[in-house]
N, C-alpha and C. Protein backbone atom coordinates (compact mmCIF):
# COMPACT_ATOMS: atom_id res chain seq x y z
N MET A 1 16.54 6.98 -28.06
CA MET A 1 16.13 7.51 -26.78
C MET A 1 14.66 7.15 -26.51
N LEU A 2 13.85 7.15 -27.55
CA LEU A 2 12.44 6.84 -27.38
C LEU A 2 12.25 5.39 -26.93
N ASN A 3 13.06 4.48 -27.49
CA ASN A 3 12.97 3.07 -27.08
C ASN A 3 13.39 2.90 -25.62
N GLU A 4 14.43 3.60 -25.20
CA GLU A 4 14.85 3.52 -23.81
C GLU A 4 13.77 4.04 -22.87
N PHE A 5 13.11 5.13 -23.28
CA PHE A 5 12.03 5.69 -22.47
C PHE A 5 10.88 4.69 -22.38
N LYS A 6 10.57 4.04 -23.49
CA LYS A 6 9.49 3.06 -23.50
C LYS A 6 9.83 1.89 -22.58
N LYS A 7 11.07 1.42 -22.59
CA LYS A 7 11.48 0.34 -21.69
C LYS A 7 11.38 0.78 -20.23
N PHE A 8 11.77 2.02 -19.96
CA PHE A 8 11.71 2.54 -18.60
C PHE A 8 10.27 2.60 -18.11
N ILE A 9 9.38 3.10 -18.95
CA ILE A 9 7.97 3.25 -18.56
C ILE A 9 7.32 1.88 -18.36
N LEU A 10 7.70 0.91 -19.15
CA LEU A 10 7.04 -0.39 -19.07
C LEU A 10 7.64 -1.31 -18.01
N LYS A 11 8.63 -0.83 -17.27
CA LYS A 11 9.15 -1.63 -16.16
C LYS A 11 8.05 -1.76 -15.11
N GLY A 12 8.02 -2.90 -14.45
CA GLY A 12 6.99 -3.16 -13.45
C GLY A 12 7.01 -2.16 -12.30
N ASN A 13 8.20 -1.73 -11.88
CA ASN A 13 8.29 -0.83 -10.73
C ASN A 13 7.64 0.51 -11.02
N VAL A 14 7.83 1.03 -12.22
CA VAL A 14 7.25 2.33 -12.56
C VAL A 14 5.73 2.24 -12.58
N ILE A 15 5.22 1.17 -13.15
CA ILE A 15 3.77 1.00 -13.22
C ILE A 15 3.20 0.81 -11.82
N ASP A 16 3.86 0.00 -10.99
CA ASP A 16 3.40 -0.20 -9.62
C ASP A 16 3.41 1.11 -8.84
N LEU A 17 4.48 1.88 -9.00
CA LEU A 17 4.60 3.14 -8.28
C LEU A 17 3.52 4.13 -8.72
N SER A 18 3.30 4.24 -10.02
CA SER A 18 2.29 5.18 -10.49
C SER A 18 0.89 4.75 -10.05
N THR A 19 0.64 3.45 -10.06
CA THR A 19 -0.65 2.96 -9.59
C THR A 19 -0.82 3.26 -8.11
N GLY A 20 0.25 3.09 -7.34
CA GLY A 20 0.18 3.40 -5.91
C GLY A 20 -0.10 4.86 -5.64
N VAL A 21 0.51 5.73 -6.43
CA VAL A 21 0.28 7.17 -6.25
C VAL A 21 -1.17 7.52 -6.56
N ILE A 22 -1.69 6.95 -7.63
CA ILE A 22 -3.08 7.24 -8.02
C ILE A 22 -4.05 6.71 -6.97
N ILE A 23 -3.82 5.48 -6.53
CA ILE A 23 -4.68 4.90 -5.50
C ILE A 23 -4.57 5.70 -4.21
N GLY A 24 -3.34 6.12 -3.87
CA GLY A 24 -3.15 6.93 -2.67
C GLY A 24 -3.90 8.25 -2.72
N ALA A 25 -3.86 8.88 -3.89
CA ALA A 25 -4.58 10.15 -4.04
C ALA A 25 -6.09 9.93 -3.92
N ALA A 26 -6.57 8.86 -4.52
CA ALA A 26 -8.00 8.58 -4.43
C ALA A 26 -8.40 8.21 -2.99
N PHE A 27 -7.51 7.50 -2.31
CA PHE A 27 -7.80 7.08 -0.95
C PHE A 27 -7.76 8.24 0.02
N GLY A 28 -7.08 9.32 -0.36
CA GLY A 28 -7.00 10.51 0.49
C GLY A 28 -8.38 11.05 0.85
N GLY A 29 -9.29 11.01 -0.10
CA GLY A 29 -10.66 11.47 0.16
C GLY A 29 -11.35 10.62 1.20
N ILE A 30 -11.12 9.31 1.13
CA ILE A 30 -11.73 8.40 2.11
C ILE A 30 -11.15 8.66 3.50
N VAL A 31 -9.84 8.84 3.56
CA VAL A 31 -9.21 9.09 4.86
C VAL A 31 -9.69 10.42 5.43
N THR A 32 -9.80 11.44 4.59
CA THR A 32 -10.29 12.74 5.06
C THR A 32 -11.71 12.62 5.60
N ALA A 33 -12.56 11.90 4.87
CA ALA A 33 -13.94 11.71 5.33
C ALA A 33 -13.98 10.93 6.64
N PHE A 34 -13.15 9.90 6.75
CA PHE A 34 -13.08 9.11 7.98
C PHE A 34 -12.62 9.98 9.14
N THR A 35 -11.61 10.79 8.89
CA THR A 35 -11.08 11.66 9.94
C THR A 35 -12.12 12.68 10.38
N LYS A 36 -12.75 13.35 9.41
CA LYS A 36 -13.73 14.39 9.76
C LYS A 36 -15.02 13.80 10.30
N GLY A 37 -15.42 12.60 9.82
CA GLY A 37 -16.69 12.02 10.23
C GLY A 37 -16.63 11.18 11.49
N ILE A 38 -15.46 10.60 11.78
CA ILE A 38 -15.38 9.69 12.93
C ILE A 38 -14.35 10.16 13.96
N VAL A 39 -13.12 10.42 13.53
CA VAL A 39 -12.05 10.72 14.48
C VAL A 39 -12.26 12.08 15.13
N GLU A 40 -12.52 13.11 14.34
CA GLU A 40 -12.70 14.46 14.92
C GLU A 40 -13.87 14.53 15.89
N PRO A 41 -15.04 13.92 15.58
CA PRO A 41 -16.11 13.94 16.58
C PRO A 41 -15.74 13.22 17.89
N ILE A 42 -14.94 12.15 17.79
CA ILE A 42 -14.50 11.46 19.00
C ILE A 42 -13.59 12.38 19.81
N ILE A 43 -12.65 13.05 19.12
CA ILE A 43 -11.75 13.98 19.81
C ILE A 43 -12.54 15.13 20.41
N LYS A 44 -13.50 15.64 19.65
CA LYS A 44 -14.32 16.76 20.15
C LYS A 44 -15.12 16.32 21.38
N PHE A 45 -15.69 15.11 21.34
CA PHE A 45 -16.45 14.60 22.48
C PHE A 45 -15.54 14.41 23.69
N ALA A 46 -14.33 13.84 23.45
CA ALA A 46 -13.39 13.58 24.55
C ALA A 46 -12.88 14.88 25.17
N SER A 47 -12.79 15.95 24.35
CA SER A 47 -12.27 17.21 24.88
C SER A 47 -13.38 18.11 25.41
N GLY A 48 -14.59 17.59 25.52
CA GLY A 48 -15.68 18.37 26.09
C GLY A 48 -16.35 19.29 25.09
N GLY A 49 -16.29 18.96 23.82
CA GLY A 49 -16.99 19.73 22.80
C GLY A 49 -16.20 20.89 22.24
N THR A 50 -14.92 20.97 22.54
CA THR A 50 -14.12 22.06 22.00
C THR A 50 -13.61 21.70 20.61
N ASP A 51 -13.06 22.68 19.94
CA ASP A 51 -12.52 22.49 18.60
C ASP A 51 -11.33 21.54 18.67
N PRO A 52 -11.29 20.48 17.82
CA PRO A 52 -10.18 19.52 17.89
C PRO A 52 -8.87 20.06 17.33
N ASN A 53 -8.89 21.21 16.69
CA ASN A 53 -7.67 21.76 16.12
C ASN A 53 -6.85 22.48 17.19
N VAL A 54 -5.54 22.34 17.08
CA VAL A 54 -4.62 22.97 18.01
C VAL A 54 -4.32 24.39 17.53
N THR A 55 -4.39 25.36 18.42
CA THR A 55 -3.99 26.72 18.06
C THR A 55 -2.86 27.13 18.99
N LEU A 56 -1.76 27.47 18.37
CA LEU A 56 -0.59 27.89 19.13
C LEU A 56 0.19 28.88 18.27
N LYS A 57 0.20 30.12 18.72
CA LYS A 57 0.90 31.15 17.95
C LYS A 57 2.09 31.64 18.74
N LEU A 58 3.23 31.69 18.06
CA LEU A 58 4.45 32.25 18.62
C LEU A 58 4.81 33.46 17.77
N GLY A 59 4.41 34.61 18.22
CA GLY A 59 4.65 35.82 17.44
C GLY A 59 3.82 35.78 16.17
N ILE A 60 4.49 35.87 15.03
CA ILE A 60 3.78 35.83 13.75
C ILE A 60 3.64 34.41 13.22
N PHE A 61 4.23 33.44 13.90
CA PHE A 61 4.20 32.06 13.43
C PHE A 61 3.06 31.29 14.08
N ASP A 62 2.35 30.49 13.25
CA ASP A 62 1.25 29.67 13.75
C ASP A 62 1.73 28.22 13.82
N ILE A 63 2.28 27.85 14.96
CA ILE A 63 2.80 26.50 15.17
C ILE A 63 1.66 25.49 15.22
N GLY A 64 0.48 25.95 15.57
CA GLY A 64 -0.69 25.07 15.63
C GLY A 64 -0.98 24.41 14.28
N LEU A 65 -0.74 25.12 13.18
CA LEU A 65 -0.95 24.53 11.86
C LEU A 65 -0.03 23.32 11.64
N ILE A 66 1.20 23.45 12.09
CA ILE A 66 2.16 22.36 11.94
C ILE A 66 1.74 21.17 12.81
N ILE A 67 1.33 21.45 14.02
CA ILE A 67 0.88 20.38 14.92
C ILE A 67 -0.35 19.69 14.36
N ASN A 68 -1.31 20.48 13.84
CA ASN A 68 -2.51 19.90 13.23
C ASN A 68 -2.15 19.03 12.03
N ALA A 69 -1.21 19.51 11.20
CA ALA A 69 -0.78 18.73 10.04
C ALA A 69 -0.11 17.43 10.47
N ALA A 70 0.72 17.49 11.51
CA ALA A 70 1.39 16.28 12.01
C ALA A 70 0.37 15.28 12.56
N ILE A 71 -0.60 15.78 13.30
CA ILE A 71 -1.65 14.91 13.83
C ILE A 71 -2.46 14.30 12.69
N GLY A 72 -2.80 15.11 11.71
CA GLY A 72 -3.52 14.61 10.53
C GLY A 72 -2.73 13.55 9.79
N PHE A 73 -1.42 13.77 9.68
CA PHE A 73 -0.56 12.78 9.02
C PHE A 73 -0.56 11.47 9.79
N LEU A 74 -0.43 11.56 11.11
CA LEU A 74 -0.41 10.34 11.93
C LEU A 74 -1.73 9.59 11.85
N ILE A 75 -2.83 10.32 11.84
CA ILE A 75 -4.14 9.68 11.71
C ILE A 75 -4.25 9.01 10.35
N THR A 76 -3.83 9.72 9.29
CA THR A 76 -3.87 9.15 7.94
C THR A 76 -3.00 7.91 7.85
N ALA A 77 -1.79 7.97 8.39
CA ALA A 77 -0.89 6.82 8.36
C ALA A 77 -1.49 5.64 9.12
N ALA A 78 -2.12 5.91 10.27
CA ALA A 78 -2.72 4.83 11.05
C ALA A 78 -3.88 4.18 10.30
N VAL A 79 -4.71 5.00 9.69
CA VAL A 79 -5.85 4.46 8.93
C VAL A 79 -5.35 3.63 7.76
N ILE A 80 -4.38 4.14 7.02
CA ILE A 80 -3.84 3.38 5.88
C ILE A 80 -3.21 2.08 6.37
N PHE A 81 -2.47 2.14 7.48
CA PHE A 81 -1.82 0.93 7.99
C PHE A 81 -2.84 -0.12 8.38
N PHE A 82 -3.85 0.27 9.16
CA PHE A 82 -4.79 -0.72 9.68
C PHE A 82 -5.86 -1.13 8.67
N VAL A 83 -6.17 -0.26 7.70
CA VAL A 83 -7.22 -0.59 6.74
C VAL A 83 -6.66 -1.22 5.46
N ILE A 84 -5.45 -0.85 5.07
CA ILE A 84 -4.90 -1.36 3.81
C ILE A 84 -3.71 -2.28 4.03
N VAL A 85 -2.69 -1.80 4.73
CA VAL A 85 -1.41 -2.53 4.81
C VAL A 85 -1.57 -3.85 5.57
N LYS A 86 -2.17 -3.83 6.76
CA LYS A 86 -2.31 -5.06 7.54
C LYS A 86 -3.13 -6.10 6.79
N PRO A 87 -4.32 -5.77 6.26
CA PRO A 87 -5.07 -6.79 5.50
C PRO A 87 -4.33 -7.26 4.25
N ALA A 88 -3.64 -6.35 3.56
CA ALA A 88 -2.89 -6.75 2.36
C ALA A 88 -1.75 -7.69 2.73
N ASN A 89 -1.05 -7.42 3.82
CA ASN A 89 0.02 -8.31 4.27
C ASN A 89 -0.52 -9.69 4.63
N LYS A 90 -1.66 -9.70 5.30
CA LYS A 90 -2.28 -10.98 5.67
C LYS A 90 -2.69 -11.75 4.41
N LEU A 91 -3.26 -11.05 3.44
CA LEU A 91 -3.65 -11.69 2.18
C LEU A 91 -2.44 -12.22 1.43
N MET A 92 -1.35 -11.44 1.39
CA MET A 92 -0.13 -11.89 0.72
C MET A 92 0.45 -13.12 1.41
N ALA A 93 0.41 -13.15 2.75
CA ALA A 93 0.92 -14.31 3.47
C ALA A 93 0.09 -15.55 3.16
N LEU A 94 -1.24 -15.40 3.07
CA LEU A 94 -2.09 -16.53 2.71
C LEU A 94 -1.80 -17.02 1.30
N MET A 95 -1.59 -16.07 0.38
CA MET A 95 -1.30 -16.44 -1.01
C MET A 95 0.04 -17.17 -1.09
N LYS A 96 1.06 -16.69 -0.36
CA LYS A 96 2.37 -17.35 -0.37
C LYS A 96 2.27 -18.74 0.23
N LYS A 97 1.46 -18.88 1.27
CA LYS A 97 1.28 -20.18 1.90
C LYS A 97 0.63 -21.15 0.93
N GLU A 98 -0.39 -20.69 0.21
CA GLU A 98 -1.06 -21.54 -0.77
C GLU A 98 -0.11 -21.91 -1.90
N GLU A 99 0.72 -20.95 -2.34
CA GLU A 99 1.68 -21.24 -3.40
C GLU A 99 2.71 -22.27 -2.94
N ALA A 100 3.14 -22.17 -1.69
CA ALA A 100 4.13 -23.11 -1.16
C ALA A 100 3.55 -24.51 -1.04
N GLU A 101 2.26 -24.60 -0.71
CA GLU A 101 1.62 -25.90 -0.54
C GLU A 101 1.21 -26.53 -1.87
N ALA A 102 1.08 -25.73 -2.91
CA ALA A 102 0.65 -26.24 -4.22
C ALA A 102 1.75 -27.11 -4.81
N PRO A 103 1.34 -28.17 -5.52
CA PRO A 103 2.36 -29.00 -6.16
C PRO A 103 3.04 -28.23 -7.28
N PRO A 104 4.30 -28.55 -7.54
CA PRO A 104 4.99 -27.82 -8.61
C PRO A 104 4.34 -28.12 -9.96
N PRO A 105 4.35 -27.17 -10.87
CA PRO A 105 3.73 -27.41 -12.18
C PRO A 105 4.52 -28.43 -12.98
N ALA A 106 3.82 -29.15 -13.84
CA ALA A 106 4.48 -30.14 -14.69
C ALA A 106 5.40 -29.43 -15.67
N PRO A 107 6.55 -30.05 -15.96
CA PRO A 107 7.45 -29.40 -16.91
C PRO A 107 6.82 -29.35 -18.31
N PRO A 108 7.25 -28.42 -19.14
CA PRO A 108 6.71 -28.33 -20.50
C PRO A 108 6.99 -29.62 -21.28
N ALA A 109 6.23 -29.80 -22.36
CA ALA A 109 6.32 -31.03 -23.16
C ALA A 109 7.73 -31.25 -23.70
N ASP A 110 8.41 -30.21 -24.15
CA ASP A 110 9.75 -30.39 -24.71
C ASP A 110 10.75 -30.84 -23.65
N ILE A 111 10.59 -30.35 -22.42
CA ILE A 111 11.46 -30.78 -21.33
C ILE A 111 11.18 -32.24 -20.98
N GLN A 112 9.91 -32.63 -20.96
CA GLN A 112 9.57 -34.03 -20.70
C GLN A 112 10.17 -34.94 -21.76
N LEU A 113 10.08 -34.52 -23.02
CA LEU A 113 10.64 -35.32 -24.11
C LEU A 113 12.15 -35.45 -23.97
N LEU A 114 12.83 -34.37 -23.66
CA LEU A 114 14.28 -34.43 -23.46
C LEU A 114 14.65 -35.32 -22.28
N THR A 115 13.86 -35.28 -21.22
CA THR A 115 14.10 -36.13 -20.06
C THR A 115 13.94 -37.60 -20.44
N GLU A 116 12.91 -37.91 -21.22
CA GLU A 116 12.70 -39.30 -21.66
C GLU A 116 13.86 -39.76 -22.54
N ILE A 117 14.32 -38.89 -23.44
CA ILE A 117 15.45 -39.24 -24.31
C ILE A 117 16.70 -39.49 -23.47
N ARG A 118 16.95 -38.62 -22.48
CA ARG A 118 18.11 -38.79 -21.60
C ARG A 118 18.02 -40.12 -20.86
N ASP A 119 16.84 -40.44 -20.34
CA ASP A 119 16.68 -41.70 -19.60
C ASP A 119 16.87 -42.92 -20.50
N LEU A 120 16.39 -42.84 -21.74
CA LEU A 120 16.57 -43.94 -22.70
C LEU A 120 18.05 -44.09 -23.06
N LEU A 121 18.75 -42.98 -23.21
CA LEU A 121 20.17 -43.04 -23.53
C LEU A 121 20.98 -43.63 -22.38
N LYS A 122 20.57 -43.39 -21.16
CA LYS A 122 21.25 -43.97 -20.00
C LYS A 122 21.14 -45.48 -19.98
N LYS A 123 19.98 -45.97 -20.42
CA LYS A 123 19.74 -47.43 -20.42
C LYS A 123 20.59 -48.05 -21.50
């Protein structure tokens, strides 16, 4: 069971996923600072200096909290998309283009030797 667990942990997908979660958590602070430092002042200025948070209470329920969370999520998603995803996609496309244009690597020495032997045998 320990060997199976080790194989599972060392799969590329698990490592990529865990790295993404850690990077995402670290990036959360940057997004929060961006939102509080840039987006909220713009919203506050556009709304005439009022509080950018939505307050809406229906009886004992505070629906404004849900609306604020949804708006925060959309802002976070937009920042991540335009700051990380779009540039990363562009970089990946450039790398794929360079890989496609690069000449294929030379075959290993043993393959070259076998090819030469095959060609000599044909003659």
